[in-house]
PDB file of N, CA and C in Angstrom:
ATOM      1  N   MET A   1      32.734 -58.996  77.532  1.00  0.00           N
ATOM      2  CA  MET A   1      33.020 -58.602  75.986  1.00  0.00           C
ATOM      3  C   MET A   1      32.732 -59.738  74.887  1.00  0.00           C
ATOM      4  N   LEU A   2      32.735 -61.128  75.254  1.00  0.00           N
ATOM      5  CA  LEU A   2      31.871 -62.231  74.484  1.00  0.00           C
ATOM      6  C   LEU A   2      30.357 -61.613  74.229  1.00  0.00           C
ATOM      7  N   GLN A   3      29.830 -61.221  75.149  1.00  0.00           N
ATOM      8  CA  GLN A   3      28.256 -60.809  75.024  1.00  0.00           C
ATOM      9  C   GLN A   3      28.137 -59.586  73.929  1.00  0.00           C
ATOM     10  N   ARG A   4      28.850 -58.810  74.006  1.00  0.00           N
ATOM     11  CA  ARG A   4      28.912 -57.697  73.172  1.00  0.00           C
ATOM     12  C   ARG A   4      29.137 -58.212  71.658  1.00  0.00           C
ATOM     13  N   PHE A   5      30.048 -59.246  71.229  1.00  0.00           N
ATOM     14  CA  PHE A   5      30.546 -60.128  70.281  1.00  0.00           C
ATOM     15  C   PHE A   5      29.621 -60.585  69.573  1.00  0.00           C
ATOM     16  N   ILE A   6      28.752 -61.583  70.544  1.00  0.00           N
ATOM     17  CA  ILE A   6      27.439 -62.032  69.968  1.00  0.00           C
ATOM     18  C   ILE A   6      26.451 -61.202  69.774  1.00  0.00           C
ATOM     19  N   PHE A   7      26.060 -60.196  70.443  1.00  0.00           N
ATOM     20  CA  PHE A   7      25.097 -58.974  69.983  1.00  0.00           C
ATOM     21  C   PHE A   7      25.370 -58.472  68.662  1.00  0.00           C
ATOM     22  N   PHE A   8      26.883 -58.344  68.178  1.00  0.00           N
ATOM     23  CA  PHE A   8      27.387 -57.862  67.243  1.00  0.00           C
ATOM     24  C   PHE A   8      26.999 -59.014  65.953  1.00  0.00           C
ATOM     25  N   LEU A   9      27.316 -59.966  65.949  1.00  0.00           N
ATOM     26  CA  LEU A   9      27.013 -61.046  64.993  1.00  0.00           C
ATOM     27  C   LEU A   9      25.605 -61.315  64.690  1.00  0.00           C
ATOM     28  N   SER A  10      24.780 -60.925  65.783  1.00  0.00           N
ATOM     29  CA  SER A  10      23.354 -61.287  65.580  1.00  0.00           C
ATOM     30  C   SER A  10      22.822 -60.121  64.500  1.00  0.00           C
ATOM     31  N   LEU A  11      23.451 -58.950  64.323  1.00  0.00           N
ATOM     32  CA  LEU A  11      23.170 -58.234  63.306  1.00  0.00           C
ATOM     33  C   LEU A  11      23.243 -58.401  62.139  1.00  0.00           C
ATOM     34  N   TYR A  12      24.076 -59.313  61.542  1.00  0.00           N
ATOM     35  CA  TYR A  12      24.352 -59.559  60.113  1.00  0.00           C
ATOM     36  C   TYR A  12      23.925 -61.191  59.878  1.00  0.00           C
ATOM     37  N   HIS A  13      23.160 -60.985  58.750  1.00  0.00           N
ATOM     38  CA  HIS A  13      22.324 -62.249  58.469  1.00  0.00           C
ATOM     39  C   HIS A  13      22.449 -62.551  56.955  1.00  0.00           C
ATOM     40  N   ILE A  14      23.265 -63.647  56.441  1.00  0.00           N
ATOM     41  CA  ILE A  14      23.261 -63.910  55.003  1.00  0.00           C
ATOM     42  C   ILE A  14      22.299 -65.125  55.113  1.00  0.00           C
ATOM     43  N   ILE A  15      21.565 -64.922  53.829  1.00  0.00           N
ATOM     44  CA  ILE A  15      20.696 -66.238  53.433  1.00  0.00           C
ATOM     45  C   ILE A  15      21.031 -66.786  52.113  1.00  0.00           C
ATOM     46  N   ASP A  16      21.868 -67.883  52.108  1.00  0.00           N
ATOM     47  CA  ASP A  16      22.382 -68.080  51.010  1.00  0.00           C
ATOM     48  C   ASP A  16      21.314 -69.143  50.297  1.00  0.00           C
ATOM     49  N   GLU A  17      21.018 -69.084  48.916  1.00  0.00           N
ATOM     50  CA  GLU A  17      19.936 -69.605  48.160  1.00  0.00           C
ATOM     51  C   GLU A  17      18.968 -69.154  48.762  1.00  0.00           C
ATOM     52  N   ALA A  18      18.629 -68.050  48.861  1.00  0.00           N
ATOM     53  CA  ALA A  18      17.444 -67.352  49.062  1.00  0.00           C
ATOM     54  C   ALA A  18      16.236 -67.538  48.378  1.00  0.00           C
ATOM     55  N   TYR A  19      16.480 -68.051  47.143  1.00  0.00           N
ATOM     56  CA  TYR A  19      15.339 -68.150  46.080  1.00  0.00           C
ATOM     57  C   TYR A  19      14.630 -69.420  46.461  1.00  0.00           C
ATOM     58  N   ALA A  20      14.967 -70.405  47.601  1.00  0.00           N
ATOM     59  CA  ALA A  20      14.208 -71.576  47.886  1.00  0.00           C
ATOM     60  C   ALA A  20      13.101 -71.084  48.717  1.00  0.00           C
ATOM     61  N   LEU A  21      12.988 -69.983  49.145  1.00  0.00           N
ATOM     62  CA  LEU A  21      11.894 -69.199  49.984  1.00  0.00           C
ATOM     63  C   LEU A  21      10.974 -68.599  49.030  1.00  0.00           C
ATOM     64  N   THR A  22      10.994 -68.499  47.753  1.00  0.00           N
ATOM     65  CA  THR A  22       9.844 -68.258  46.863  1.00  0.00           C
ATOM     66  C   THR A  22       8.548 -69.086  47.121  1.00  0.00           C
ATOM     67  N   PRO A  23       7.376 -68.482  47.461  1.00  0.00           N
ATOM     68  CA  PRO A  23       6.432 -69.003  47.769  1.00  0.00           C
ATOM     69  C   PRO A  23       5.858 -69.834  46.514  1.00  0.00           C
ATOM     70  N   ASP A  24       5.375 -71.223  46.794  1.00  0.00           N
ATOM     71  CA  ASP A  24       4.861 -71.918  45.645  1.00  0.00           C
ATOM     72  C   ASP A  24       3.525 -72.231  45.834  1.00  0.00           C
ATOM     73  N   GLY A  25       2.675 -71.823  47.103  1.00  0.00           N
ATOM     74  CA  GLY A  25       1.482 -72.217  47.177  1.00  0.00           C
ATOM     75  C   GLY A  25       1.298 -73.650  47.848  1.00  0.00           C
ATOM     76  N   GLN A  26       2.552 -74.582  47.977  1.00  0.00           N
ATOM     77  CA  GLN A  26       2.476 -75.929  48.451  1.00  0.00           C
ATOM     78  C   GLN A  26       2.955 -75.679  49.776  1.00  0.00           C
ATOM     79  N   ASN A  27       4.147 -74.982  50.177  1.00  0.00           N
ATOM     80  CA  ASN A  27       4.613 -74.738  51.665  1.00  0.00           C
ATOM     81  C   ASN A  27       4.444 -73.547  52.218  1.00  0.00           C
ATOM     82  N   SER A  28       3.502 -73.329  53.611  1.00  0.00           N
ATOM     83  CA  SER A  28       3.102 -72.019  54.010  1.00  0.00           C
ATOM     84  C   SER A  28       4.480 -71.791  54.676  1.00  0.00           C
ATOM     85  N   PHE A  29       5.328 -72.707  55.102  1.00  0.00           N
ATOM     86  CA  PHE A  29       6.773 -71.821  55.809  1.00  0.00           C
ATOM     87  C   PHE A  29       7.297 -71.143  54.896  1.00  0.00           C
ATOM     88  N   LYS A  30       7.323 -71.215  53.605  1.00  0.00           N
ATOM     89  CA  LYS A  30       8.060 -70.138  52.931  1.00  0.00           C
ATOM     90  C   LYS A  30       7.890 -68.730  52.972  1.00  0.00           C
ATOM     91  N   GLN A  31       6.261 -68.561  52.824  1.00  0.00           N
ATOM     92  CA  GLN A  31       5.717 -67.597  53.136  1.00  0.00           C
ATOM     93  C   GLN A  31       5.606 -66.797  54.737  1.00  0.00           C
ATOM     94  N   GLU A  32       5.682 -67.884  55.539  1.00  0.00           N
ATOM     95  CA  GLU A  32       5.821 -67.509  56.630  1.00  0.00           C
ATOM     96  C   GLU A  32       7.639 -67.063  56.849  1.00  0.00           C
ATOM     97  N   ALA A  33       8.285 -67.408  56.580  1.00  0.00           N
ATOM     98  CA  ALA A  33       9.748 -67.113  56.872  1.00  0.00           C
ATOM     99  C   ALA A  33       9.726 -65.712  56.127  1.00  0.00           C
ATOM    100  N   ILE A  34       9.220 -65.335  54.860  1.00  0.00           N
ATOM    101  CA  ILE A  34       9.234 -64.180  54.081  1.00  0.00           C
ATOM    102  C   ILE A  34       8.905 -63.244  54.740  1.00  0.00           C
ATOM    103  N   ASP A  35       7.766 -63.402  55.197  1.00  0.00           N
ATOM    104  CA  ASP A  35       6.759 -62.314  56.102  1.00  0.00           C
ATOM    105  C   ASP A  35       7.782 -62.235  57.566  1.00  0.00           C
ATOM    106  N   ARG A  36       8.389 -63.241  58.315  1.00  0.00           N
ATOM    107  CA  ARG A  36       9.032 -62.782  59.241  1.00  0.00           C
ATOM    108  C   ARG A  36      10.144 -62.094  59.137  1.00  0.00           C
ATOM    109  N   LEU A  37      11.007 -62.197  57.732  1.00  0.00           N
ATOM    110  CA  LEU A  37      12.212 -61.848  57.174  1.00  0.00           C
ATOM    111  C   LEU A  37      11.687 -60.251  56.935  1.00  0.00           C
ATOM    112  N   ILE A  38      10.677 -59.942  56.547  1.00  0.00           N
ATOM    113  CA  ILE A  38       9.887 -58.497  56.280  1.00  0.00           C
ATOM    114  C   ILE A  38       9.585 -57.651  57.738  1.00  0.00           C
ATOM    115  N   THR A  39       9.248 -58.460  58.399  1.00  0.00           N
ATOM    116  CA  THR A  39       9.006 -57.807  59.583  1.00  0.00           C
ATOM    117  C   THR A  39      10.287 -57.381  60.491  1.00  0.00           C
ATOM    118  N   LEU A  40      11.201 -58.385  60.879  1.00  0.00           N
ATOM    119  CA  LEU A  40      12.233 -58.278  60.872  1.00  0.00           C
ATOM    120  C   LEU A  40      13.203 -57.156  60.490  1.00  0.00           C
ATOM    121  N   SER A  41      13.104 -57.123  59.180  1.00  0.00           N
ATOM    122  CA  SER A  41      14.180 -55.852  58.424  1.00  0.00           C
ATOM    123  C   SER A  41      13.357 -54.821  59.033  1.00  0.00           C
ATOM    124  N   ASP A  42      12.020 -54.521  58.951  1.00  0.00           N
ATOM    125  CA  ASP A  42      11.468 -53.492  59.312  1.00  0.00           C
ATOM    126  C   ASP A  42      11.712 -52.653  60.765  1.00  0.00           C
ATOM    127  N   GLU A  43      11.247 -53.817  61.648  1.00  0.00           N
ATOM    128  CA  GLU A  43      11.593 -53.291  63.112  1.00  0.00           C
ATOM    129  C   GLU A  43      12.927 -52.896  63.471  1.00  0.00           C
ATOM    130  N   LEU A  44      13.738 -53.619  62.650  1.00  0.00           N
ATOM    131  CA  LEU A  44      15.177 -53.315  63.437  1.00  0.00           C
ATOM    132  C   LEU A  44      15.793 -52.516  61.846  1.00  0.00           C
ATOM    133  N   ARG A  45      15.325 -51.778  60.965  1.00  0.00           N
ATOM    134  CA  ARG A  45      16.001 -51.091  59.871  1.00  0.00           C
ATOM    135  C   ARG A  45      17.167 -50.525  60.198  1.00  0.00           C
ATOM    136  N   ASN A  46      17.397 -49.977  61.157  1.00  0.00           N
ATOM    137  CA  ASN A  46      18.619 -49.441  61.462  1.00  0.00           C
ATOM    138  C   ASN A  46      19.685 -50.124  62.165  1.00  0.00           C
ATOM    139  N   ASP A  47      19.425 -51.272  62.364  1.00  0.00           N
ATOM    140  CA  ASP A  47      20.324 -52.156  63.390  1.00  0.00           C
ATOM    141  C   ASP A  47      20.684 -53.513  62.979  1.00  0.00           C
ATOM    142  N   ILE A  48      20.376 -53.656  61.423  1.00  0.00           N
ATOM    143  CA  ILE A  48      20.548 -55.016  61.305  1.00  0.00           C
ATOM    144  C   ILE A  48      20.808 -54.817  59.334  1.00  0.00           C
ATOM    145  N   VAL A  49      21.543 -55.912  59.164  1.00  0.00           N
ATOM    146  CA  VAL A  49      22.126 -56.018  57.989  1.00  0.00           C
ATOM    147  C   VAL A  49      21.642 -57.472  57.266  1.00  0.00           C
ATOM    148  N   ILE A  50      20.677 -57.511  56.367  1.00  0.00           N
ATOM    149  CA  ILE A  50      20.534 -58.755  56.217  1.00  0.00           C
ATOM    150  C   ILE A  50      20.953 -59.152  54.521  1.00  0.00           C
ATOM    151  N   ILE A  51      21.117 -60.117  54.234  1.00  0.00           N
ATOM    152  CA  ILE A  51      21.848 -60.525  52.658  1.00  0.00           C
ATOM    153  C   ILE A  51      20.815 -61.487  52.151  1.00  0.00           C
ATOM    154  N   LEU A  52      20.585 -61.237  51.047  1.00  0.00           N
ATOM    155  CA  LEU A  52      20.027 -62.594  50.140  1.00  0.00           C
ATOM    156  C   LEU A  52      20.700 -62.927  49.101  1.00  0.00           C
ATOM    157  N   ALA A  53      21.297 -64.174  49.092  1.00  0.00           N
ATOM    158  CA  ALA A  53      22.325 -64.490  47.939  1.00  0.00           C
ATOM    159  C   ALA A  53      21.660 -65.454  47.476  1.00  0.00           C
ATOM    160  N   GLY A  54      21.980 -65.646  45.924  1.00  0.00           N
ATOM    161  CA  GLY A  54      21.679 -66.682  44.919  1.00  0.00           C
ATOM    162  C   GLY A  54      21.728 -66.298  43.653  1.00  0.00           C
ATOM    163  N   TYR A  55      21.515 -66.830  42.800  1.00  0.00           N
ATOM    164  CA  TYR A  55      21.766 -66.793  41.625  1.00  0.00           C
ATOM    165  C   TYR A  55      20.613 -65.786  40.747  1.00  0.00           C
ATOM    166  N   SER A  56      20.939 -65.154  39.826  1.00  0.00           N
ATOM    167  CA  SER A  56      20.162 -63.887  39.374  1.00  0.00           C
ATOM    168  C   SER A  56      18.924 -64.199  39.081  1.00  0.00           C
ATOM    169  N   GLN A  57      18.465 -65.177  38.118  1.00  0.00           N
ATOM    170  CA  GLN A  57      17.109 -65.447  37.529  1.00  0.00           C
ATOM    171  C   GLN A  57      16.445 -65.704  38.603  1.00  0.00           C
ATOM    172  N   PRO A  58      16.751 -66.700  39.404  1.00  0.00           N
ATOM    173  CA  PRO A  58      15.805 -67.580  40.718  1.00  0.00           C
ATOM    174  C   PRO A  58      15.583 -65.982  41.806  1.00  0.00           C
ATOM    175  N   MET A  59      16.711 -65.036  41.783  1.00  0.00           N
ATOM    176  CA  MET A  59      16.466 -63.766  43.099  1.00  0.00           C
ATOM    177  C   MET A  59      15.482 -63.304  42.412  1.00  0.00           C
ATOM    178  N   LYS A  60      15.521 -62.742  40.968  1.00  0.00           N
ATOM    179  CA  LYS A  60      14.196 -62.055  40.367  1.00  0.00           C
ATOM    180  C   LYS A  60      13.060 -62.484  40.629  1.00  0.00           C
ATOM    181  N   LYS A  61      12.665 -63.923  40.744  1.00  0.00           N
ATOM    182  CA  LYS A  61      11.694 -64.496  40.960  1.00  0.00           C
ATOM    183  C   LYS A  61      11.035 -63.964  42.373  1.00  0.00           C
ATOM    184  N   ILE A  62      12.029 -64.653  43.181  1.00  0.00           N
ATOM    185  CA  ILE A  62      11.462 -64.278  44.834  1.00  0.00           C
ATOM    186  C   ILE A  62      11.015 -62.639  44.419  1.00  0.00           C
ATOM    187  N   LEU A  63      11.872 -61.954  44.462  1.00  0.00           N
ATOM    188  CA  LEU A  63      11.524 -60.420  44.390  1.00  0.00           C
ATOM    189  C   LEU A  63      10.248 -59.959  43.563  1.00  0.00           C
ATOM    190  N   GLN A  64       9.890 -60.726  42.793  1.00  0.00           N
ATOM    191  CA  GLN A  64       8.658 -60.435  42.056  1.00  0.00           C
ATOM    192  C   GLN A  64       7.318 -60.933  42.772  1.00  0.00           C
ATOM    193  N   ALA A  65       7.775 -62.210  43.445  1.00  0.00           N
ATOM    194  CA  ALA A  65       6.639 -62.845  44.191  1.00  0.00           C
ATOM    195  C   ALA A  65       6.243 -62.058  45.347  1.00  0.00           C
ATOM    196  N   ASN A  66       7.063 -61.089  46.033  1.00  0.00           N
ATOM    197  CA  ASN A  66       6.520 -60.435  46.942  1.00  0.00           C
ATOM    198  C   ASN A  66       7.043 -58.842  46.934  1.00  0.00           C
ATOM    199  N   ASP A  67       6.123 -57.756  46.798  1.00  0.00           N
ATOM    200  CA  ASP A  67       6.430 -56.646  46.163  1.00  0.00           C
ATOM    201  C   ASP A  67       7.349 -56.037  47.325  1.00  0.00           C
ATOM    202  N   TRP A  68       7.056 -56.477  48.816  1.00  0.00           N
ATOM    203  CA  TRP A  68       7.750 -55.798  49.585  1.00  0.00           C
ATOM    204  C   TRP A  68       9.244 -55.523  50.098  1.00  0.00           C
ATOM    205  N   LEU A  69       9.676 -57.221  49.238  1.00  0.00           N
ATOM    206  CA  LEU A  69      11.120 -57.387  49.395  1.00  0.00           C
ATOM    207  C   LEU A  69      11.447 -56.346  48.766  1.00  0.00           C
ATOM    208  N   SER A  70      11.356 -55.888  47.489  1.00  0.00           N
ATOM    209  CA  SER A  70      11.769 -54.799  46.734  1.00  0.00           C
ATOM    210  C   SER A  70      11.833 -53.414  47.596  1.00  0.00           C
ATOM    211  N   VAL A  71      10.872 -53.372  48.313  1.00  0.00           N
ATOM    212  CA  VAL A  71      10.830 -52.145  48.946  1.00  0.00           C
ATOM    213  C   VAL A  71      11.749 -52.038  50.331  1.00  0.00           C
ATOM    214  N   VAL A  72      11.812 -53.055  51.005  1.00  0.00           N
ATOM    215  CA  VAL A  72      12.608 -53.217  52.101  1.00  0.00           C
ATOM    216  C   VAL A  72      14.125 -53.529  52.030  1.00  0.00           C
ATOM    217  N   PHE A  73      14.519 -54.161  51.080  1.00  0.00           N
ATOM    218  CA  PHE A  73      16.025 -54.316  50.833  1.00  0.00           C
ATOM    219  C   PHE A  73      16.584 -53.076  49.569  1.00  0.00           C
ATOM    220  N   LEU A  74      17.339 -52.315  50.159  1.00  0.00           N
ATOM    221  CA  LEU A  74      17.619 -51.011  49.714  1.00  0.00           C
ATOM    222  C   LEU A  74      18.729 -51.107  48.689  1.00  0.00           C
ATOM    223  N   LEU A  75      19.496 -52.300  48.421  1.00  0.00           N
ATOM    224  CA  LEU A  75      20.408 -52.424  47.573  1.00  0.00           C
ATOM    225  C   LEU A  75      20.267 -53.833  47.029  1.00  0.00           C
ATOM    226  N   ILE A  76      19.832 -54.032  45.239  1.00  0.00           N
ATOM    227  CA  ILE A  76      19.759 -55.240  44.977  1.00  0.00           C
ATOM    228  C   ILE A  76      21.097 -55.192  43.758  1.00  0.00           C
ATOM    229  N   LEU A  77      21.820 -56.214  43.691  1.00  0.00           N
ATOM    230  CA  LEU A  77      22.848 -56.621  42.809  1.00  0.00           C
ATOM    231  C   LEU A  77      22.852 -57.704  42.099  1.00  0.00           C
ATOM    232  N   TYR A  78      22.925 -57.690  40.713  1.00  0.00           N
ATOM    233  CA  TYR A  78      22.624 -58.807  39.943  1.00  0.00           C
ATOM    234  C   TYR A  78      23.960 -58.944  39.187  1.00  0.00           C
TER     235      TYR A  78
END
């Protein structure tokens, strides 16, 4: 039972202040994190929920910085 519960929890990911991942050219980790997030959401598209949370204006910048984020995330709320 515990194993099923842990598996269930692993399917939901919330990234608060996701705008901190906006690539700035100085930190390659940010771009690597975005690339991995896109890959993960594509590989598990029917089995995972990823929520990126943050303030509206900074979140718009991260969506503009990577065109794939707008494609991969089906619902964007402001």
